[in-house]
Amino acid sequence: MRRLDDLSDEELIAAYEVADRAVPHLRANFVSSLDGAVEIDGQSKALSSDSDSRVFSVIRRLADVVLVGAGTIRDEGYNPLKLSAKAREWRTATGLAENPTLAIVSSRLELSPVNPVFKSAARPIVVTHASSPEDRREALAEVAEVLVLGEVTVDLQAVVDEFAARGMTQILSEGGPHLLGALTAADLVDELCLALAPLLAGPGSSRITAGAPSTLTRRMKLGAALSAGDDYFFFRYLREA
């Protein structure tokens, strides 16, 4: 197994790059405790570390769109999406936009237009459905582009298709568990990047996925595995052809 600490930034980027950026690809990224918890005291930040932050930053650098559920925006206290100067320079040299676009999935639109996340470097997108409150759509349209896709629930396949039509083929889902559950149910997850934290969280915490129970499983194959000096492990799993 390769050691994260021994990899240069260029080598780490290469470990997470897709074979063809022109092909639509949805990647989910999560951190979990050894016993499967996705959060401690309601936030995933308590599971993170310097090595996790480094991998997280590289995965974000490669994305065209960062897809996040509205609940995660509220619960995690998301900061505006703006990459570091080094990452922006790399993206520009590679022919990408300076920053990925933040896309927030919300059914009830329980988001305040003054939330700091709407000060992201690129104008955010809010994705909702036709049955969401119209007054909230109008309020959020002042600070974000509002996409209405689906009648009573968000049509996630339409979301992926819409982004691909705009040339934003590389989608990174950062949570939360209900969004991952919905993406899995729609069979849209092409890749899962999982960081394993050397912690036992105990009972009570939720898993990285949530939603209606299902007996349908989807086989993934290991694409890469890294270990770090702080005892974290990083696994990249890809959809099996």
Protein backbone atom coordinates (compact mmCIF):
# COMPACT_ATOMS: atom_id res chain seq x y z
CA MET A 1 0.00 0.00 0.00
CA ARG A 2 1.33 3.43 -0.93
CA ARG A 3 2.05 5.96 1.79
CA LEU A 4 0.27 9.29 1.47
CA ASP A 5 3.14 11.03 3.22
CA ASP A 6 5.55 9.93 0.49
CA LEU A 7 3.47 11.29 -2.40
CA SER A 8 3.98 14.68 -3.99
CA ASP A 9 0.90 16.76 -4.78
CA GLU A 10 1.24 15.75 -8.44
CA GLU A 11 1.36 12.05 -7.53
CA LEU A 12 -1.66 12.40 -5.26
CA ILE A 13 -3.61 14.16 -8.01
CA ALA A 14 -2.70 11.36 -10.40
CA ALA A 15 -4.02 8.79 -7.91
CA TYR A 16 -7.47 10.40 -8.01
CA GLU A 17 -7.74 11.59 -11.61
CA VAL A 18 -10.32 9.94 -13.86
CA ALA A 19 -9.27 8.38 -17.16
CA ASP A 20 -11.41 10.70 -19.31
CA ARG A 21 -12.86 13.96 -17.98
CA ALA A 22 -15.24 14.16 -20.94
CA VAL A 23 -17.19 11.20 -19.57
CA PRO A 24 -19.74 12.16 -16.86
CA HIS A 25 -18.53 10.84 -13.51
CA LEU A 26 -20.09 11.18 -10.05
CA ARG A 27 -17.71 10.73 -7.15
CA ALA A 28 -18.82 10.66 -3.51
CA ASN A 29 -16.37 11.49 -0.74
CA PHE A 30 -16.88 10.60 2.93
CA VAL A 31 -14.94 10.04 6.12
CA SER A 32 -16.02 7.33 8.57
CA SER A 33 -14.92 6.05 11.96
CA LEU A 34 -13.73 2.46 12.32
CA ASP A 35 -17.17 1.47 13.56
CA GLY A 36 -19.03 3.18 10.73
CA ALA A 37 -19.97 6.59 12.14
CA VAL A 38 -20.23 9.50 9.73
CA GLU A 39 -20.21 12.15 12.45
CA ILE A 40 -19.47 12.88 16.07
CA ASP A 41 -21.79 15.28 17.88
CA GLY A 42 -23.51 16.01 14.58
CA GLN A 43 -20.47 16.97 12.51
CA SER A 44 -18.06 15.04 10.32
CA LYS A 45 -15.27 17.55 11.03
CA ALA A 46 -14.52 15.72 14.29
CA LEU A 47 -13.45 12.70 12.20
CA SER A 48 -11.03 14.65 10.02
CA SER A 49 -7.26 15.14 10.24
CA ASP A 50 -4.45 16.86 8.36
CA SER A 51 -4.04 13.88 6.03
CA ASP A 52 -7.79 13.74 5.41
CA SER A 53 -7.81 17.46 4.67
CA ARG A 54 -5.03 17.00 2.13
CA VAL A 55 -6.89 14.27 0.24
CA PHE A 56 -10.15 16.23 0.54
CA SER A 57 -8.50 19.27 -1.07
CA VAL A 58 -7.14 17.24 -3.99
CA ILE A 59 -10.50 15.61 -4.65
CA ARG A 60 -12.17 19.04 -4.66
CA ARG A 61 -9.50 20.37 -7.00
CA LEU A 62 -10.51 17.80 -9.61
CA ALA A 63 -14.25 18.56 -9.51
CA ASP A 64 -16.36 20.70 -11.82
CA VAL A 65 -19.30 20.68 -9.40
CA VAL A 66 -19.45 20.06 -5.64
CA LEU A 67 -22.89 18.63 -4.85
CA VAL A 68 -24.15 18.97 -1.27
CA GLY A 69 -27.49 18.46 0.45
CA ALA A 70 -29.02 21.48 2.15
CA GLY A 71 -29.05 19.69 5.52
CA THR A 72 -25.30 19.20 5.34
CA ILE A 73 -24.83 22.88 4.50
CA ARG A 74 -26.75 23.76 7.68
CA ASP A 75 -25.38 21.07 10.00
CA GLU A 76 -21.72 21.35 9.01
CA GLY A 77 -21.63 25.14 8.81
CA TYR A 78 -20.21 25.04 5.28
CA ASN A 79 -17.79 27.79 4.35
CA PRO A 80 -17.95 29.53 0.97
CA LEU A 81 -16.37 27.36 -1.71
CA LYS A 82 -13.07 28.88 -2.80
CA LEU A 83 -9.94 26.88 -3.48
CA SER A 84 -6.44 27.85 -2.43
CA ALA A 85 -4.33 29.99 -4.74
CA LYS A 86 -2.17 26.97 -5.56
CA ALA A 87 -5.20 24.88 -6.50
CA ARG A 88 -6.69 27.69 -8.60
CA GLU A 89 -3.40 28.11 -10.44
CA TRP A 90 -3.29 24.36 -11.17
CA ARG A 91 -6.89 24.35 -12.42
CA THR A 92 -6.31 27.32 -14.71
CA ALA A 93 -3.19 25.72 -16.17
CA THR A 94 -5.18 22.52 -16.75
CA GLY A 95 -7.93 24.38 -18.60
CA LEU A 96 -10.52 24.24 -15.81
CA ALA A 97 -12.50 27.03 -14.18
CA GLU A 98 -10.64 28.59 -11.26
CA ASN A 99 -13.09 27.12 -8.78
CA PRO A 100 -15.68 24.35 -8.93
CA THR A 101 -19.34 25.36 -8.67
CA LEU A 102 -21.21 24.58 -5.47
CA ALA A 103 -24.60 22.94 -6.14
CA ILE A 104 -27.01 22.56 -3.21
CA VAL A 105 -29.82 20.01 -3.41
CA SER A 106 -32.91 21.01 -1.43
CA SER A 107 -36.55 19.95 -1.42
CA ARG A 108 -37.88 22.39 1.18
CA LEU A 109 -35.46 25.23 0.42
CA GLU A 110 -34.84 25.84 4.11
CA LEU A 111 -31.80 27.96 3.31
CA SER A 112 -31.26 31.58 4.19
CA PRO A 113 -30.09 33.82 1.33
CA VAL A 114 -27.63 35.39 3.81
CA ASN A 115 -25.91 32.07 4.50
CA PRO A 116 -22.15 32.67 3.95
CA VAL A 117 -22.03 29.71 1.54
CA PHE A 118 -23.64 31.92 -1.10
CA LYS A 119 -20.46 34.02 -1.13
CA SER A 120 -18.59 31.18 -2.87
CA ALA A 121 -16.14 32.17 -5.60
CA ALA A 122 -18.43 30.85 -8.36
CA ARG A 123 -22.14 31.63 -8.20
CA PRO A 124 -23.77 28.64 -6.49
CA ILE A 125 -26.62 26.60 -7.92
CA VAL A 126 -29.64 25.52 -5.87
CA VAL A 127 -31.36 22.42 -7.24
CA THR A 128 -34.97 21.82 -6.23
CA HIS A 129 -38.26 20.51 -7.63
CA ALA A 130 -41.49 22.08 -8.90
CA SER A 131 -43.37 21.51 -5.61
CA SER A 132 -40.89 23.49 -3.51
CA PRO A 133 -42.06 26.84 -2.05
CA GLU A 134 -42.09 29.42 -4.83
CA ASP A 135 -41.38 32.34 -2.50
CA ARG A 136 -38.20 30.64 -1.28
CA ARG A 137 -37.14 29.97 -4.85
CA GLU A 138 -37.52 33.66 -5.62
CA ALA A 139 -35.53 34.69 -2.53
CA LEU A 140 -32.67 32.28 -3.31
CA ALA A 141 -32.60 33.37 -6.95
CA GLU A 142 -31.09 36.65 -5.68
CA VAL A 143 -27.93 34.84 -4.54
CA ALA A 144 -27.82 31.66 -6.66
CA GLU A 145 -29.04 30.09 -9.85
CA VAL A 146 -32.13 28.03 -9.06
CA LEU A 147 -32.70 24.87 -11.11
CA VAL A 148 -36.09 23.16 -10.95
CA LEU A 149 -35.66 19.50 -11.90
CA GLY A 150 -38.41 17.06 -10.99
CA GLU A 151 -42.05 17.44 -9.96
CA VAL A 152 -42.28 16.40 -6.29
CA THR A 153 -38.71 15.23 -5.69
CA VAL A 154 -35.41 16.32 -7.20
CA ASP A 155 -34.68 14.27 -10.33
CA LEU A 156 -31.03 13.42 -9.69
CA GLN A 157 -30.52 11.84 -13.12
CA ALA A 158 -31.70 15.11 -14.64
CA VAL A 159 -29.25 16.96 -12.39
CA VAL A 160 -26.32 14.89 -13.70
CA ASP A 161 -27.53 15.33 -17.29
CA GLU A 162 -27.93 19.09 -16.86
CA PHE A 163 -24.42 19.51 -15.50
CA ALA A 164 -22.97 17.33 -18.28
CA ALA A 165 -24.77 19.45 -20.88
CA ARG A 166 -23.00 22.49 -19.42
CA GLY A 167 -19.63 20.75 -19.69
CA MET A 168 -19.46 20.12 -15.94
CA THR A 169 -18.95 16.38 -16.14
CA GLN A 170 -16.98 15.79 -12.94
CA ILE A 171 -19.41 15.86 -10.02
CA LEU A 172 -18.24 15.49 -6.42
CA SER A 173 -20.88 14.70 -3.80
CA GLU A 174 -19.80 15.66 -0.28
CA GLY A 175 -22.96 14.53 1.46
CA GLY A 176 -24.88 14.16 3.41
CA PRO A 177 -25.99 10.59 3.98
CA HIS A 178 -29.50 11.14 2.58
CA LEU A 179 -28.08 12.54 -0.65
CA LEU A 180 -25.72 9.57 -0.97
CA GLY A 181 -28.64 7.23 -0.32
CA ALA A 182 -30.69 8.91 -3.04
CA LEU A 183 -27.78 8.87 -5.50
CA THR A 184 -27.20 5.19 -4.79
CA ALA A 185 -30.90 4.39 -5.24
CA ALA A 186 -30.77 6.18 -8.60
CA ASP A 187 -27.64 4.16 -9.51
CA LEU A 188 -25.63 7.32 -10.15
CA VAL A 189 -22.57 6.69 -7.95
CA ASP A 190 -19.55 5.95 -10.13
CA GLU A 191 -16.99 6.22 -7.35
CA LEU A 192 -16.72 6.31 -3.58
CA CYS A 193 -13.71 7.83 -1.88
CA LEU A 194 -13.71 6.70 1.74
CA ALA A 195 -11.38 7.95 4.46
CA LEU A 196 -11.19 5.65 7.49
CA ALA A 197 -10.46 7.46 10.74
CA PRO A 198 -8.71 5.53 13.57
CA LEU A 199 -11.55 6.22 16.00
CA LEU A 200 -14.34 4.29 17.68
CA ALA A 201 -17.37 6.56 17.88
CA GLY A 202 -19.64 4.14 19.71
CA PRO A 203 -23.40 3.74 19.19
CA GLY A 204 -25.74 6.52 18.17
CA SER A 205 -24.03 7.98 15.13
CA SER A 206 -25.48 7.58 11.65
CA ARG A 207 -23.77 5.87 8.69
CA ILE A 208 -22.46 7.54 5.54
CA THR A 209 -25.71 6.63 3.77
CA ALA A 210 -29.36 7.03 4.76
CA GLY A 211 -32.83 6.66 3.30
CA ALA A 212 -35.32 3.92 2.54
CA PRO A 213 -33.93 0.40 3.20
CA SER A 214 -32.98 -1.59 0.11
CA THR A 215 -31.69 -5.08 -0.58
CA LEU A 216 -30.12 -4.02 -3.89
CA THR A 217 -26.32 -3.95 -3.76
CA ARG A 218 -23.82 -2.52 -6.22
CA ARG A 219 -20.39 -4.06 -6.65
CA MET A 220 -17.39 -1.70 -6.53
CA LYS A 221 -13.73 -2.40 -7.25
CA LEU A 222 -10.73 -0.99 -5.42
CA GLY A 223 -8.97 1.62 -7.54
CA ALA A 224 -6.42 2.90 -5.01
CA ALA A 225 -5.51 2.60 -1.34
CA LEU A 226 -3.29 4.89 0.70
CA SER A 227 -2.11 4.88 4.30
CA ALA A 228 -1.03 7.91 6.31
CA GLY A 229 1.30 8.42 9.25
CA ASP A 230 -1.63 9.43 11.47
CA ASP A 231 -3.17 5.95 10.98
CA TYR A 232 -5.83 7.12 8.53
CA PHE A 233 -6.54 5.02 5.44
CA PHE A 234 -7.90 6.25 2.13
CA PHE A 235 -9.76 4.00 -0.27
CA ARG A 236 -10.92 4.81 -3.79
CA TYR A 237 -13.64 2.46 -5.04
CA LEU A 238 -14.93 2.55 -8.62
CA ARG A 239 -18.10 1.22 -10.19
CA GLU A 240 -17.49 -2.26 -11.56
CA ALA A 241 -18.05 -2.44 -15.31
